[in-house]
């Protein structure tokens, strides 16, 4: 069984193009719901965009609930679940069909440790996933994550250096998790994943 990849998209641009794209996304869902095609929603979207899905890697599903159009803010959001990774070939088709829209994404597949975004300034997506074992999983901007990680280590009474960046504090997190694994300490593991920026 494939690992599930969740990709969050934000499209920005003219309201007319956003509306047309929302219509195409909805049409693909409707076609699948009506039994027109029993295939991945992304494959049906490829058909709706006038292409043959056999020529593209287009495995992935979304529903009407995963589409969000906000004309006032000038954006459309979409969440897609797919096996292993996002479909960059479908992204390219959307870019060609709607060249006046900007496509931003955040791809996450935890089984293989994939966490990728094309949002370098963290304007739309935080770059750090902080997962406190069995307690909490949250997304943070890099600057905010340092304070949260430092607070968790302080709460556990674990020594750490003063940290200015996430990268500065990661060795202390690793040492803390090692101490848990070796039975020297008890508590919850802290997993920190930093996004790769394309």
Protein backbone atom coordinates (compact mmCIF):
# COMPACT_ATOMS: atom_id res chain seq x y z
CA UNK A 1 0.00 0.00 0.00
CA UNK A 2 1.31 3.43 -0.93
CA UNK A 3 2.01 6.15 1.61
CA UNK A 4 -0.49 8.99 1.41
CA UNK A 5 0.82 12.37 0.31
CA UNK A 6 -1.26 15.42 1.16
CA UNK A 7 -0.66 18.49 -0.96
CA UNK A 8 -2.19 21.86 -0.12
CA UNK A 9 -2.43 24.32 -2.99
CA UNK A 10 -3.11 28.05 -3.10
CA UNK A 11 -3.77 29.64 -6.49
CA UNK A 12 -3.61 33.43 -6.71
CA UNK A 13 -4.58 35.71 -9.56
CA UNK A 14 -7.50 37.34 -11.38
CA UNK A 15 -10.96 36.46 -10.06
CA UNK A 16 -12.17 35.38 -13.51
CA UNK A 17 -9.38 32.81 -13.92
CA UNK A 18 -9.82 31.58 -10.35
CA UNK A 19 -13.53 31.09 -11.04
CA UNK A 20 -12.83 29.18 -14.27
CA UNK A 21 -10.32 26.92 -12.49
CA UNK A 22 -12.79 26.31 -9.64
CA UNK A 23 -15.35 25.35 -12.29
CA UNK A 24 -12.95 22.85 -13.90
CA UNK A 25 -12.06 21.33 -10.52
CA UNK A 26 -15.75 21.01 -9.64
CA UNK A 27 -16.57 19.53 -13.07
CA UNK A 28 -14.03 16.75 -12.52
CA UNK A 29 -15.64 15.91 -9.15
CA UNK A 30 -19.13 15.95 -10.68
CA UNK A 31 -18.09 13.66 -13.53
CA UNK A 32 -16.68 11.13 -11.07
CA UNK A 33 -19.69 11.45 -8.74
CA UNK A 34 -22.10 10.80 -11.60
CA UNK A 35 -20.21 7.65 -12.55
CA UNK A 36 -18.93 9.08 -15.82
CA UNK A 37 -15.48 7.75 -15.02
CA UNK A 38 -14.34 5.55 -12.16
CA UNK A 39 -10.83 6.96 -11.86
CA UNK A 40 -8.70 9.33 -9.81
CA UNK A 41 -10.19 12.82 -9.64
CA UNK A 42 -6.91 14.26 -10.98
CA UNK A 43 -7.18 11.94 -14.00
CA UNK A 44 -10.69 13.24 -14.64
CA UNK A 45 -9.36 16.81 -14.26
CA UNK A 46 -6.79 16.03 -16.97
CA UNK A 47 -9.72 14.96 -19.22
CA UNK A 48 -11.62 18.15 -18.34
CA UNK A 49 -8.53 20.15 -19.35
CA UNK A 50 -8.66 18.39 -22.75
CA UNK A 51 -5.78 15.95 -22.34
CA UNK A 52 -5.47 12.15 -22.19
CA UNK A 53 -4.81 10.94 -18.61
CA UNK A 54 -2.91 7.94 -20.01
CA UNK A 55 -0.16 10.40 -20.99
CA UNK A 56 0.27 11.85 -17.48
CA UNK A 57 1.00 10.77 -13.94
CA UNK A 58 -2.28 11.91 -12.44
CA UNK A 59 -3.11 9.78 -9.43
CA UNK A 60 -4.82 11.80 -6.75
CA UNK A 61 -8.21 12.58 -5.27
CA UNK A 62 -10.04 15.59 -3.93
CA UNK A 63 -13.69 16.37 -3.25
CA UNK A 64 -15.87 19.48 -3.38
CA UNK A 65 -15.05 20.09 0.28
CA UNK A 66 -11.36 20.34 -0.69
CA UNK A 67 -11.97 23.30 -3.04
CA UNK A 68 -12.16 26.80 -1.55
CA UNK A 69 -12.69 29.92 -3.68
CA UNK A 70 -12.29 33.34 -2.06
CA UNK A 71 -12.82 35.98 -4.74
CA UNK A 72 -12.28 38.85 -2.27
CA UNK A 73 -8.82 37.62 -1.30
CA UNK A 74 -8.07 36.60 -4.88
CA UNK A 75 -7.24 32.98 -4.10
CA UNK A 76 -8.44 29.44 -4.54
CA UNK A 77 -7.36 26.60 -2.24
CA UNK A 78 -7.27 22.89 -3.01
CA UNK A 79 -6.19 19.86 -1.00
CA UNK A 80 -5.25 16.66 -2.84
CA UNK A 81 -4.46 13.20 -1.46
CA UNK A 82 -2.25 11.08 -3.68
CA UNK A 83 -0.01 8.03 -3.40
CA UNK A 84 3.66 8.80 -2.60
CA UNK A 85 3.97 12.35 -3.98
CA UNK A 86 2.14 15.23 -5.64
CA UNK A 87 1.44 15.22 -9.37
CA UNK A 88 3.70 17.90 -10.80
CA UNK A 89 2.55 16.93 -14.31
CA UNK A 90 -1.02 17.98 -13.45
CA UNK A 91 0.39 21.17 -11.90
CA UNK A 92 2.10 21.91 -15.22
CA UNK A 93 -1.18 21.36 -17.11
CA UNK A 94 -2.97 23.79 -14.79
CA UNK A 95 -0.18 26.36 -15.24
CA UNK A 96 -0.50 26.09 -19.03
CA UNK A 97 -4.31 26.29 -18.95
CA UNK A 98 -4.26 29.25 -16.52
CA UNK A 99 -0.99 31.14 -17.14
CA UNK A 100 -2.18 34.19 -15.22
CA UNK A 101 -2.50 32.23 -11.95
CA UNK A 102 0.33 31.69 -9.47
CA UNK A 103 0.41 28.17 -8.02
CA UNK A 104 1.80 27.67 -4.50
CA UNK A 105 2.02 24.28 -2.82
CA UNK A 106 3.02 22.47 0.34
CA UNK A 107 3.57 18.73 -0.10
CA UNK A 108 3.75 16.40 2.89
CA UNK A 109 4.26 12.63 2.96
CA UNK A 110 5.37 11.64 6.44
CA UNK A 111 6.28 8.01 5.72
CA UNK A 112 9.28 9.03 3.62
CA UNK A 113 9.85 12.34 5.36
CA UNK A 114 8.82 14.46 2.37
CA UNK A 115 7.95 18.06 3.26
CA UNK A 116 8.36 20.41 0.30
CA UNK A 117 7.02 23.85 -0.57
CA UNK A 118 7.57 26.53 -3.18
CA UNK A 119 6.71 29.30 -0.69
CA UNK A 120 10.20 30.51 0.33
CA UNK A 121 9.02 33.40 2.51
CA UNK A 122 6.51 31.34 4.55
CA UNK A 123 3.80 33.71 3.39
CA UNK A 124 1.24 30.89 2.96
CA UNK A 125 2.76 27.81 4.56
CA UNK A 126 4.84 27.36 7.73
CA UNK A 127 8.16 25.60 7.14
CA UNK A 128 8.42 23.56 10.35
CA UNK A 129 6.33 20.61 11.48
CA UNK A 130 6.63 20.06 15.21
CA UNK A 131 5.30 16.69 16.31
CA UNK A 132 5.34 15.95 20.03
CA UNK A 133 4.79 12.19 20.20
CA UNK A 134 1.23 11.22 21.16
CA UNK A 135 0.44 14.82 22.15
CA UNK A 136 0.39 17.36 19.34
CA UNK A 137 1.33 18.04 15.71
CA UNK A 138 1.53 21.67 14.59
CA UNK A 139 2.90 23.75 11.73
CA UNK A 140 5.06 26.75 12.57
CA UNK A 141 6.95 29.49 10.85
CA UNK A 142 10.66 29.00 11.44
CA UNK A 143 10.99 31.95 13.84
CA UNK A 144 8.06 30.79 15.99
CA UNK A 145 9.22 27.18 16.10
CA UNK A 146 12.46 28.00 17.95
CA UNK A 147 10.57 29.43 20.93
CA UNK A 148 8.19 26.45 21.01
CA UNK A 149 11.01 23.86 20.84
CA UNK A 150 13.01 25.73 23.50
CA UNK A 151 9.93 25.77 25.76
CA UNK A 152 9.43 22.01 25.30
CA UNK A 153 13.07 21.29 26.20
CA UNK A 154 12.84 23.65 29.20
CA UNK A 155 9.65 21.90 30.34
CA UNK A 156 11.47 18.55 30.15
CA UNK A 157 14.41 20.03 32.09
CA UNK A 158 16.77 19.24 29.22
CA UNK A 159 19.79 21.54 28.71
CA UNK A 160 20.14 23.29 25.38
CA UNK A 161 22.12 26.17 23.87
CA UNK A 162 20.57 29.53 23.17
CA UNK A 163 19.16 29.13 19.70
CA UNK A 164 18.65 31.72 17.01
CA UNK A 165 17.47 29.31 14.31
CA UNK A 166 15.76 25.95 14.05
CA UNK A 167 19.04 24.49 12.84
CA UNK A 168 20.76 25.71 16.05
CA UNK A 169 18.34 23.81 18.29
CA UNK A 170 18.13 20.55 16.28
CA UNK A 171 21.24 18.94 17.90
CA UNK A 172 19.67 19.43 21.36
CA UNK A 173 16.41 17.87 20.13
CA UNK A 174 18.35 14.90 18.77
CA UNK A 175 20.22 14.49 22.07
CA UNK A 176 16.92 14.68 23.98
CA UNK A 177 15.32 11.99 21.76
CA UNK A 178 18.45 9.80 22.14
CA UNK A 179 18.19 10.11 25.94
CA UNK A 180 14.58 8.91 25.71
CA UNK A 181 15.56 5.99 23.46
CA UNK A 182 18.33 4.95 25.86
CA UNK A 183 15.98 5.08 28.85
CA UNK A 184 18.00 7.87 30.51
CA UNK A 185 14.91 10.12 30.47
CA UNK A 186 11.20 9.65 30.18
CA UNK A 187 8.79 11.80 28.24
CA UNK A 188 7.55 12.36 24.71
CA UNK A 189 9.77 12.40 21.64
CA UNK A 190 9.98 15.70 19.78
CA UNK A 191 10.09 15.34 16.00
CA UNK A 192 11.04 18.40 13.97
CA UNK A 193 10.71 18.43 10.19
CA UNK A 194 11.92 21.45 8.22
CA UNK A 195 10.54 22.03 4.72
CA UNK A 196 12.68 21.78 1.64
CA UNK A 197 12.05 24.79 -0.58
CA UNK A 198 11.94 24.26 -4.35
